[in-house]
Amino acid sequence: MTDLLIRNARLINEGREFDADLRVHNGRIEKIASSLTGLNAKVEIEAAGQFLLPGMIDDQVHFRDPGAPHKGSFATESRAAVAGGITSVMDMPNTTPPTLNLDALEAKERRAASCSKANFGFHFGVSHENLDIVAALDPNRVAAVKVFMGASTGNMLVDDLPSLERLFRDCPTLILTHCEHTPRIRERELQWQAQYGEYIAPDQHPLIRDAEACYQSSSLAVSLAQRFDTQLHVLHITSARELSLFQPGPLAGKRITAEVCAHHLCFDDRDYAALGHLIKCNPAIKTQADRDALRQALLCGRLDIIGTDHAPHTLEEKQRPYLQAPSGLPLVQHALPALLELVADGLLPLTTLVEKTSHAVAQRFAIEQRGYLREGYWADLTLIERLREPRPVEADPTLAHCGWTPFQGRAFRHAVRSTIVSGQLAWHNGQVQDDCEGLPLRYRRG
């Protein structure tokens, strides 16, 4: 780990913006001061007033590793992540094989340790067959426990009430939920298929997987958490209606929290005309009114975290008819620049963006010594350049293995100049640094 000194940066941290220098030593932030005169380091970066943020911690990625190397791997997708200013990721359990036992978890940890440029953690999966394993988990062993209450494949869909009651009663750590009411979705799919056959238009996706399907499932999850006093985090909220289930205000003290994804803040149903299945995802991107309500909910604290749900598929797969086209978008490289467009438009304070992408994630998942610009903490940093002219997305290579992005045709007013992962340069001046090695995330729970 190389000593590193960043001079004349505009730091964004814990609700404040201020000018300072920052020195990194042995992977950690050694000193933050208005001027670190008399100090030097092997690597020095002149920030010239550019924004220095704690690196984004993405609690929701599908890196497809193991099981789908044609879609992505920890090696490829972590490179895209650090290029996008993301310093830590938490991978979902629906891989092949799924992360339903400790052997599968350890195998994924070994794979990530061998090649990941970003720091990494893993969520443990739930099926009807592994509830005893889940109940016996060490709370500090995994990032969280993920249950698909809708929209999963294989044996990872758990939507019967007895199994859910047992899970919410016995789970020793934070539960994450994907909430969509599967019976309603299946019924509506059959209705649309009877009318249109296989030629269902992409813009019908939010009508098939509608707000009611989301609300039925998310309201059940919240009611179970209230009944059993469970620590619950509901992923990728997409509709204005669901927001009433969550309390506004700071994250501290909440046992039930909620998340929104970057694409649900940046797209709405008008974008299906141009992008089609490229923005097909579960839960679906919905109306402009829903999108605007999600943005407002970030400001009042009903939504606590912003993630990506990065889920790459090949272009060939995405061009299939509706019922065969898979759901999911590659997002890690462009999520933070896209969110900074909301900042540039005056819709989201930069301090709030940092809160939702770094501080709150570290707090909710009890991550040790990450997510803040604090002396003694791990140096996970993102240096953001404000561009003189908006830069087209196509001007830079797309590093996700699938090779495409839903942000095609857009231009961003900010760019990630440097990403520092556990004190190591991971991305700098347009290049992934091959000698960077991400570290496993550690959790401290009582």
Protein backbone atom coordinates (compact mmCIF):
# COMPACT_ATOMS: atom_id res chain seq x y z
CA MET A 1 0.00 0.00 0.00
CA THR A 2 1.59 3.24 -1.21
CA ASP A 3 1.57 6.43 0.85
CA LEU A 4 -0.63 8.94 -0.94
CA LEU A 5 -1.34 12.65 -0.51
CA ILE A 6 -4.25 14.52 -2.03
CA ARG A 7 -3.85 18.28 -1.96
CA ASN A 8 -6.39 21.10 -2.28
CA ALA A 9 -9.52 18.97 -2.45
CA ARG A 10 -13.10 19.96 -1.67
CA LEU A 11 -14.08 17.29 0.88
CA ILE A 12 -17.73 16.21 1.21
CA ASN A 13 -18.31 14.42 4.48
CA GLU A 14 -20.94 14.13 7.23
CA GLY A 15 -23.05 17.02 5.98
CA ARG A 16 -20.14 19.41 5.39
CA GLU A 17 -18.17 20.75 2.44
CA PHE A 18 -14.69 22.06 3.22
CA ASP A 19 -11.28 22.51 1.63
CA ALA A 20 -8.48 20.30 2.91
CA ASP A 21 -5.53 18.05 2.19
CA LEU A 22 -5.75 14.34 2.99
CA ARG A 23 -2.87 11.90 3.56
CA VAL A 24 -3.11 8.13 3.30
CA HIS A 25 -0.67 5.78 5.05
CA ASN A 26 -0.81 1.97 5.26
CA GLY A 27 -4.22 1.90 3.63
CA ARG A 28 -5.88 4.29 6.05
CA ILE A 29 -6.57 8.00 6.29
CA GLU A 30 -3.72 9.27 8.41
CA LYS A 31 -4.40 13.01 8.43
CA ILE A 32 -6.97 15.54 7.24
CA ALA A 33 -6.02 19.20 7.59
CA SER A 34 -6.46 22.50 5.83
CA SER A 35 -2.85 22.35 4.69
CA LEU A 36 -0.45 19.47 5.17
CA THR A 37 2.71 21.46 4.59
CA GLY A 38 5.99 19.72 5.16
CA LEU A 39 4.50 16.30 4.35
CA ASN A 40 5.01 14.32 1.20
CA ALA A 41 4.12 10.92 -0.16
CA LYS A 42 5.18 8.56 -2.91
CA VAL A 43 2.02 9.48 -4.86
CA GLU A 44 0.67 13.02 -4.76
CA ILE A 45 -2.53 14.17 -6.46
CA GLU A 46 -3.30 17.83 -6.99
CA ALA A 47 -7.09 18.02 -6.71
CA ALA A 48 -7.37 21.74 -7.54
CA GLY A 49 -10.71 22.03 -5.80
CA GLN A 50 -12.26 18.85 -7.15
CA PHE A 51 -14.73 16.98 -4.94
CA LEU A 52 -13.28 14.28 -2.69
CA LEU A 53 -15.96 11.87 -1.46
CA PRO A 54 -15.93 8.70 0.60
CA GLY A 55 -16.20 5.97 -2.00
CA MET A 56 -19.66 4.72 -2.85
CA ILE A 57 -20.55 1.45 -1.10
CA ASP A 58 -22.90 -0.47 -3.37
CA ASP A 59 -24.89 -2.89 -1.24
CA GLN A 60 -26.67 -4.51 -4.18
CA VAL A 61 -24.79 -6.03 -7.12
CA HIS A 62 -25.11 -9.18 -9.18
CA PHE A 63 -21.61 -9.87 -10.50
CA ARG A 64 -22.75 -13.26 -11.92
CA ASP A 65 -19.82 -15.05 -10.33
CA PRO A 66 -19.85 -18.04 -10.28
CA GLY A 67 -22.09 -19.42 -12.96
CA ALA A 68 -22.47 -16.92 -15.81
CA PRO A 69 -19.06 -15.88 -17.18
CA HIS A 70 -20.67 -14.73 -20.44
CA LYS A 71 -22.46 -12.03 -18.40
CA GLY A 72 -19.75 -11.01 -15.95
CA SER A 73 -17.36 -11.97 -13.17
CA PHE A 74 -15.80 -10.38 -10.12
CA ALA A 75 -12.75 -9.55 -12.22
CA THR A 76 -14.67 -7.70 -14.94
CA GLU A 77 -17.43 -6.07 -12.93
CA SER A 78 -15.17 -4.84 -10.13
CA ARG A 79 -13.09 -3.03 -12.76
CA ALA A 80 -16.24 -1.30 -13.97
CA ALA A 81 -17.16 -0.48 -10.37
CA VAL A 82 -13.91 1.29 -9.49
CA ALA A 83 -14.05 3.17 -12.80
CA GLY A 84 -17.39 4.44 -11.57
CA GLY A 85 -16.14 5.56 -8.15
CA ILE A 86 -17.51 2.56 -6.25
CA THR A 87 -15.01 1.29 -3.70
CA SER A 88 -16.98 -1.54 -2.05
CA VAL A 89 -19.66 -3.94 -3.27
CA MET A 90 -21.95 -6.52 -1.72
CA ASP A 91 -22.89 -9.35 -4.05
CA MET A 92 -26.28 -11.04 -4.14
CA PRO A 93 -26.76 -14.77 -3.52
CA ASN A 94 -28.58 -15.82 -6.72
CA THR A 95 -25.49 -17.16 -8.49
CA THR A 96 -24.89 -20.69 -9.74
CA PRO A 97 -24.65 -22.34 -7.30
CA PRO A 98 -26.65 -20.03 -5.06
CA THR A 99 -25.17 -18.82 -1.77
CA LEU A 100 -27.34 -21.01 0.45
CA ASN A 101 -24.65 -22.66 2.58
CA LEU A 102 -21.28 -21.77 4.05
CA ASP A 103 -19.32 -23.75 1.46
CA ALA A 104 -20.83 -21.68 -1.36
CA LEU A 105 -20.16 -18.49 0.61
CA GLU A 106 -16.50 -19.40 1.17
CA ALA A 107 -16.05 -20.27 -2.49
CA LYS A 108 -17.34 -16.84 -3.54
CA GLU A 109 -15.08 -15.15 -1.00
CA ARG A 110 -12.07 -16.93 -2.47
CA ARG A 111 -13.04 -15.96 -6.01
CA ALA A 112 -13.41 -12.29 -5.08
CA ALA A 113 -10.18 -12.23 -3.07
CA SER A 114 -8.26 -13.49 -6.10
CA CYS A 115 -9.34 -10.77 -8.53
CA SER A 116 -11.61 -8.01 -7.16
CA LYS A 117 -10.46 -4.41 -7.53
CA ALA A 118 -13.20 -3.28 -5.12
CA ASN A 119 -13.67 -4.26 -1.49
CA PHE A 120 -16.28 -7.00 -1.27
CA GLY A 121 -18.94 -8.58 0.89
CA PHE A 122 -21.68 -11.13 0.32
CA HIS A 123 -25.34 -11.56 1.14
CA PHE A 124 -26.59 -14.98 2.19
CA GLY A 125 -29.60 -16.46 0.41
CA VAL A 126 -32.82 -18.00 1.69
CA SER A 127 -34.73 -21.03 0.46
CA HIS A 128 -37.33 -23.25 2.05
CA GLU A 129 -34.59 -25.80 2.74
CA ASN A 130 -31.95 -23.70 4.51
CA LEU A 131 -33.90 -21.85 7.22
CA ASP A 132 -31.99 -23.72 9.95
CA ILE A 133 -28.68 -22.59 8.43
CA VAL A 134 -29.91 -19.00 8.28
CA ALA A 135 -31.03 -19.08 11.92
CA ALA A 136 -27.57 -20.29 13.00
CA LEU A 137 -25.57 -17.69 11.03
CA ASP A 138 -22.96 -15.60 12.78
CA PRO A 139 -24.30 -12.01 12.37
CA ASN A 140 -20.79 -10.80 11.55
CA ARG A 141 -20.20 -13.47 8.89
CA VAL A 142 -22.30 -11.96 6.09
CA ALA A 143 -23.41 -8.54 4.93
CA ALA A 144 -27.08 -9.50 5.31
CA VAL A 145 -29.61 -12.21 4.50
CA LYS A 146 -31.48 -11.74 1.21
CA VAL A 147 -34.96 -13.13 0.64
CA PHE A 148 -36.67 -12.98 -2.73
CA MET A 149 -40.34 -12.47 -1.86
CA GLY A 150 -40.94 -12.22 -5.59
CA ALA A 151 -39.12 -12.43 -8.93
CA SER A 152 -36.58 -15.17 -8.43
CA THR A 153 -35.68 -18.43 -10.11
CA GLY A 154 -34.96 -21.91 -8.88
CA ASN A 155 -35.59 -22.51 -5.19
CA MET A 156 -34.87 -18.97 -3.99
CA LEU A 157 -38.44 -17.67 -4.20
CA VAL A 158 -39.85 -17.68 -0.66
CA ASP A 159 -43.36 -16.25 -0.57
CA ASP A 160 -45.39 -18.60 1.62
CA LEU A 161 -46.37 -17.12 4.96
CA PRO A 162 -45.14 -19.89 7.34
CA SER A 163 -41.61 -19.79 5.90
CA LEU A 164 -41.53 -16.00 5.95
CA GLU A 165 -42.76 -15.90 9.54
CA ARG A 166 -40.04 -18.30 10.58
CA LEU A 167 -37.40 -16.28 8.73
CA PHE A 168 -38.46 -12.94 10.23
CA ARG A 169 -38.66 -14.50 13.69
CA ASP A 170 -35.34 -16.36 13.69
CA CYS A 171 -32.94 -14.46 11.43
CA PRO A 172 -30.02 -13.21 13.57
CA THR A 173 -29.08 -10.30 11.32
CA LEU A 174 -30.42 -7.77 8.83
CA ILE A 175 -32.92 -9.09 6.26
CA LEU A 176 -33.02 -7.68 2.74
CA THR A 177 -36.15 -8.18 0.68
CA HIS A 178 -37.02 -8.08 -2.99
CA CYS A 179 -40.72 -7.32 -2.79
CA GLU A 180 -43.11 -8.14 -5.62
CA HIS A 181 -46.31 -10.18 -5.29
CA THR A 182 -45.68 -13.14 -7.58
CA PRO A 183 -49.30 -14.39 -7.98
CA ARG A 184 -50.44 -10.97 -9.23
CA ILE A 185 -47.52 -10.75 -11.66
CA ARG A 186 -48.14 -14.24 -13.05
CA GLU A 187 -51.84 -13.50 -13.50
CA ARG A 188 -51.11 -10.30 -15.38
CA GLU A 189 -48.44 -11.94 -17.53
CA LEU A 190 -51.03 -14.48 -18.67
CA GLN A 191 -53.52 -11.70 -19.45
CA TRP A 192 -50.98 -9.78 -21.55
CA GLN A 193 -49.75 -12.95 -23.24
CA ALA A 194 -53.32 -13.89 -24.20
CA GLN A 195 -53.73 -10.47 -25.83
CA TYR A 196 -50.32 -9.96 -27.43
CA GLY A 197 -48.67 -13.37 -27.59
CA GLU A 198 -44.90 -13.10 -27.36
CA TYR A 199 -44.89 -9.57 -28.79
CA ILE A 200 -45.52 -7.66 -25.57
CA ALA A 201 -44.10 -4.15 -25.88
CA PRO A 202 -41.37 -3.15 -23.41
CA ASP A 203 -43.50 -0.29 -22.03
CA GLN A 204 -46.00 -2.84 -20.74
CA HIS A 205 -43.49 -4.12 -18.18
CA PRO A 206 -44.48 -1.59 -15.46
CA LEU A 207 -48.15 -2.46 -16.08
CA ILE A 208 -47.53 -6.17 -15.63
CA ARG A 209 -45.20 -5.69 -12.65
CA ASP A 210 -47.22 -2.80 -11.35
CA ALA A 211 -47.21 -0.68 -8.20
CA GLU A 212 -49.88 -2.86 -6.62
CA ALA A 213 -47.69 -5.97 -6.95
CA CYS A 214 -44.89 -4.09 -5.22
CA TYR A 215 -47.10 -2.69 -2.47
CA GLN A 216 -48.71 -6.02 -1.61
CA SER A 217 -45.32 -7.60 -1.04
CA SER A 218 -43.50 -4.68 0.61
CA SER A 219 -46.40 -4.05 3.00
CA LEU A 220 -46.26 -7.73 4.00
CA ALA A 221 -42.52 -7.48 4.66
CA VAL A 222 -42.97 -4.37 6.80
CA SER A 223 -45.83 -5.95 8.76
CA LEU A 224 -43.73 -9.06 9.46
CA ALA A 225 -40.79 -6.93 10.61
CA GLN A 226 -43.05 -4.95 12.93
CA ARG A 227 -44.59 -8.13 14.30
CA PHE A 228 -41.25 -9.86 15.03
CA ASP A 229 -39.15 -6.71 15.66
CA THR A 230 -36.89 -7.69 12.75
CA GLN A 231 -34.12 -5.59 11.28
CA LEU A 232 -35.44 -5.11 7.73
CA HIS A 233 -34.11 -3.31 4.66
CA VAL A 234 -36.45 -3.23 1.64
CA LEU A 235 -34.54 -3.02 -1.61
CA HIS A 236 -35.27 -1.05 -4.81
CA ILE A 237 -38.48 0.80 -3.97
CA THR A 238 -40.07 1.94 -7.24
CA SER A 239 -43.50 3.40 -6.52
CA ALA A 240 -44.87 6.45 -4.73
CA ARG A 241 -47.44 4.27 -2.97
CA GLU A 242 -44.83 2.19 -1.15
CA LEU A 243 -43.21 5.25 0.41
CA SER A 244 -45.99 5.53 3.00
CA LEU A 245 -44.68 2.32 4.57
CA PHE A 246 -41.46 3.97 5.72
CA GLN A 247 -40.73 6.64 8.27
CA PRO A 248 -39.00 9.89 7.30
CA GLY A 249 -35.98 11.20 9.14
CA PRO A 250 -32.42 10.08 9.87
CA LEU A 251 -31.42 6.45 9.61
CA ALA A 252 -30.19 6.25 13.24
CA GLY A 253 -32.59 4.26 15.37
CA LYS A 254 -34.64 2.82 12.51
CA ARG A 255 -35.23 -0.93 12.39
CA ILE A 256 -37.06 -0.76 9.05
CA THR A 257 -35.29 1.04 6.20
CA ALA A 258 -35.67 1.36 2.45
CA GLU A 259 -33.54 1.77 -0.64
CA VAL A 260 -33.85 3.19 -4.12
CA CYS A 261 -31.71 2.35 -7.14
CA ALA A 262 -29.98 4.78 -9.45
CA HIS A 263 -31.97 3.75 -12.52
CA HIS A 264 -35.29 4.34 -10.77
CA LEU A 265 -34.13 7.89 -10.05
CA CYS A 266 -32.82 8.54 -13.57
CA PHE A 267 -35.36 6.87 -15.89
CA ASP A 268 -39.14 6.69 -16.14
CA ASP A 269 -41.65 4.93 -18.38
CA ARG A 270 -41.16 7.43 -21.21
CA ASP A 271 -37.68 5.93 -21.72
CA TYR A 272 -38.99 2.53 -22.85
CA ALA A 273 -39.67 3.98 -26.31
CA ALA A 274 -35.96 4.53 -26.95
CA LEU A 275 -34.36 1.88 -24.74
CA GLY A 276 -36.84 -0.99 -24.77
CA HIS A 277 -35.68 -4.05 -22.87
CA LEU A 278 -32.36 -2.38 -22.07
CA ILE A 279 -34.18 -0.85 -19.09
CA LYS A 280 -36.30 -3.90 -18.33
CA CYS A 281 -35.65 -4.66 -14.65
CA ASN A 282 -37.45 -6.04 -11.63
CA PRO A 283 -39.12 -4.17 -10.02
CA ALA A 284 -39.97 -2.17 -13.12
CA ILE A 285 -39.12 1.44 -13.87
CA LYS A 286 -42.47 3.19 -13.48
CA THR A 287 -44.00 6.62 -14.12
CA GLN A 288 -42.49 10.07 -13.99
CA ALA A 289 -44.65 10.76 -10.94
CA ASP A 290 -43.18 7.71 -9.21
CA ARG A 291 -39.65 8.79 -10.15
CA ASP A 292 -40.23 12.29 -8.79
CA ALA A 293 -41.69 10.90 -5.56
CA LEU A 294 -38.60 8.73 -5.07
CA ARG A 295 -36.37 11.77 -5.47
CA GLN A 296 -38.37 13.68 -2.88
CA ALA A 297 -38.26 10.72 -0.50
CA LEU A 298 -34.47 10.91 -0.47
CA LEU A 299 -34.70 14.48 0.80
CA CYS A 300 -37.07 13.70 3.68
CA GLY A 301 -35.37 10.43 4.65
CA ARG A 302 -38.08 7.91 3.77
CA LEU A 303 -35.47 6.38 1.48
CA ASP A 304 -32.22 5.74 3.32
CA ILE A 305 -29.80 4.29 0.77
CA ILE A 306 -29.07 4.45 -2.96
CA GLY A 307 -27.75 1.28 -4.63
CA THR A 308 -27.38 0.05 -8.19
CA ASP A 309 -28.72 -3.54 -8.43
CA HIS A 310 -26.07 -3.94 -11.15
CA ALA A 311 -27.22 -6.98 -13.15
CA PRO A 312 -25.52 -7.45 -16.53
CA HIS A 313 -26.95 -9.42 -19.44
CA THR A 314 -25.71 -9.68 -23.00
CA LEU A 315 -27.19 -7.48 -25.73
CA GLU A 316 -28.33 -10.63 -27.51
CA GLU A 317 -30.32 -11.69 -24.45
CA LYS A 318 -31.85 -8.23 -24.11
CA GLN A 319 -33.06 -8.27 -27.72
CA ARG A 320 -35.29 -11.31 -27.18
CA PRO A 321 -39.10 -11.01 -27.01
CA TYR A 322 -40.56 -9.71 -23.75
CA LEU A 323 -41.12 -12.99 -21.93
CA GLN A 324 -37.60 -14.23 -22.79
CA ALA A 325 -35.67 -10.97 -22.34
CA PRO A 326 -34.00 -11.06 -18.90
CA SER A 327 -34.43 -8.28 -16.37
CA GLY A 328 -31.45 -6.28 -15.14
CA LEU A 329 -29.11 -3.44 -16.11
CA PRO A 330 -25.31 -2.96 -15.94
CA LEU A 331 -24.89 0.14 -13.78
CA VAL A 332 -21.79 0.28 -11.59
CA GLN A 333 -19.63 2.29 -13.98
CA HIS A 334 -22.18 5.04 -14.59
CA ALA A 335 -24.39 5.17 -11.49
CA LEU A 336 -22.41 7.80 -9.59
CA PRO A 337 -21.92 10.15 -12.58
CA ALA A 338 -25.64 9.77 -13.35
CA LEU A 339 -26.57 10.63 -9.77
CA LEU A 340 -24.29 13.63 -9.92
CA GLU A 341 -26.55 14.90 -12.71
CA LEU A 342 -29.27 15.26 -10.05
CA VAL A 343 -26.80 17.28 -8.00
CA ALA A 344 -25.91 19.47 -10.99
CA ASP A 345 -29.62 20.07 -11.64
CA GLY A 346 -30.18 21.19 -8.04
CA LEU A 347 -32.44 18.23 -7.23
CA LEU A 348 -30.17 16.55 -4.67
CA PRO A 349 -27.58 18.14 -2.37
CA LEU A 350 -24.14 16.61 -2.75
CA THR A 351 -23.98 16.04 0.99
CA THR A 352 -27.23 14.04 0.77
CA LEU A 353 -25.87 11.96 -2.11
CA VAL A 354 -22.80 11.10 -0.02
CA GLU A 355 -25.03 10.26 2.94
CA LYS A 356 -27.15 7.86 0.86
CA THR A 357 -24.28 6.17 -1.01
CA SER A 358 -21.61 5.97 1.69
CA HIS A 359 -22.42 6.98 5.28
CA ALA A 360 -25.84 5.33 5.54
CA VAL A 361 -24.65 2.13 3.89
CA ALA A 362 -21.77 1.78 6.33
CA GLN A 363 -24.12 2.49 9.22
CA ARG A 364 -26.96 0.17 8.15
CA PHE A 365 -24.66 -2.77 7.46
CA ALA A 366 -22.38 -2.08 10.46
CA ILE A 367 -19.29 -1.98 8.23
CA GLU A 368 -16.10 -1.45 10.18
CA GLN A 369 -14.23 1.80 9.57
CA ARG A 370 -15.45 2.59 6.08
CA GLY A 371 -17.91 5.00 4.51
CA TYR A 372 -16.54 8.25 5.99
CA LEU A 373 -13.61 10.61 5.59
CA ARG A 374 -12.23 10.12 9.10
CA GLU A 375 -8.69 9.78 10.38
CA GLY A 376 -7.96 6.14 11.14
CA TYR A 377 -10.62 4.84 8.75
CA TRP A 378 -9.80 2.86 5.62
CA ALA A 379 -8.98 5.16 2.72
CA ASP A 380 -11.87 4.45 0.33
CA LEU A 381 -12.00 7.66 -1.68
CA THR A 382 -13.44 9.00 -4.91
CA LEU A 383 -12.12 12.17 -6.56
CA ILE A 384 -14.74 13.78 -8.81
CA GLU A 385 -13.85 16.11 -11.65
CA ARG A 386 -16.29 18.83 -12.71
CA LEU A 387 -16.09 18.90 -16.49
CA ARG A 388 -15.99 22.08 -18.55
CA GLU A 389 -18.35 20.49 -21.07
CA PRO A 390 -20.68 17.50 -20.65
CA ARG A 391 -18.91 14.32 -21.74
CA PRO A 392 -20.83 11.76 -23.84
CA VAL A 393 -20.97 8.34 -22.23
CA GLU A 394 -19.79 6.79 -25.49
CA ALA A 395 -16.51 8.74 -25.27
CA ASP A 396 -15.15 6.18 -22.79
CA PRO A 397 -15.02 2.37 -22.93
CA THR A 398 -17.76 0.50 -21.10
CA LEU A 399 -15.89 -1.89 -18.81
CA ALA A 400 -18.69 -4.23 -17.75
CA HIS A 401 -18.23 -7.55 -19.54
CA CYS A 402 -21.54 -7.17 -21.40
CA GLY A 403 -20.16 -4.05 -23.10
CA TRP A 404 -23.25 -1.83 -23.03
CA THR A 405 -24.95 0.70 -20.77
CA PRO A 406 -28.52 2.01 -20.47
CA PHE A 407 -27.02 5.51 -20.34
CA GLN A 408 -26.06 5.38 -24.00
CA GLY A 409 -26.77 8.70 -25.69
CA ARG A 410 -26.44 10.68 -22.47
CA ALA A 411 -23.69 13.04 -21.36
CA PHE A 412 -22.46 13.70 -17.84
CA ARG A 413 -21.12 16.88 -16.25
CA HIS A 414 -18.90 15.05 -13.77
CA ALA A 415 -16.34 12.29 -14.17
CA VAL A 416 -14.52 9.99 -11.78
CA ARG A 417 -10.89 11.08 -11.89
CA SER A 418 -9.51 8.76 -9.19
CA THR A 419 -10.80 5.90 -7.07
CA ILE A 420 -8.79 4.76 -4.06
CA VAL A 421 -9.64 1.37 -2.53
CA SER A 422 -8.22 0.55 0.90
CA GLY A 423 -5.45 3.08 0.30
CA GLN A 424 -4.58 1.81 -3.21
CA LEU A 425 -5.13 3.60 -6.48
CA ALA A 426 -7.74 1.51 -8.27
CA TRP A 427 -8.70 3.97 -11.04
CA HIS A 428 -6.72 7.03 -12.03
CA ASN A 429 -6.81 9.27 -15.10
CA GLY A 430 -8.83 6.85 -17.18
CA GLN A 431 -7.05 3.62 -16.27
CA VAL A 432 -7.75 0.70 -13.96
CA GLN A 433 -4.69 0.08 -11.79
CA ASP A 434 -3.95 -3.62 -12.10
CA ASP A 435 -2.02 -3.92 -8.83
CA CYS A 436 -5.01 -2.87 -6.68
CA GLU A 437 -6.51 -5.63 -4.52
CA GLY A 438 -9.87 -5.17 -2.83
CA LEU A 439 -10.27 -6.37 0.75
CA PRO A 440 -13.15 -8.24 2.42
CA LEU A 441 -15.59 -6.04 4.30
CA ARG A 442 -15.84 -6.59 8.05
CA TYR A 443 -18.94 -6.06 10.17
CA ARG A 444 -19.34 -5.21 13.82
CA ARG A 445 -22.73 -6.23 15.21
CA GLY A 446 -23.71 -6.93 18.75
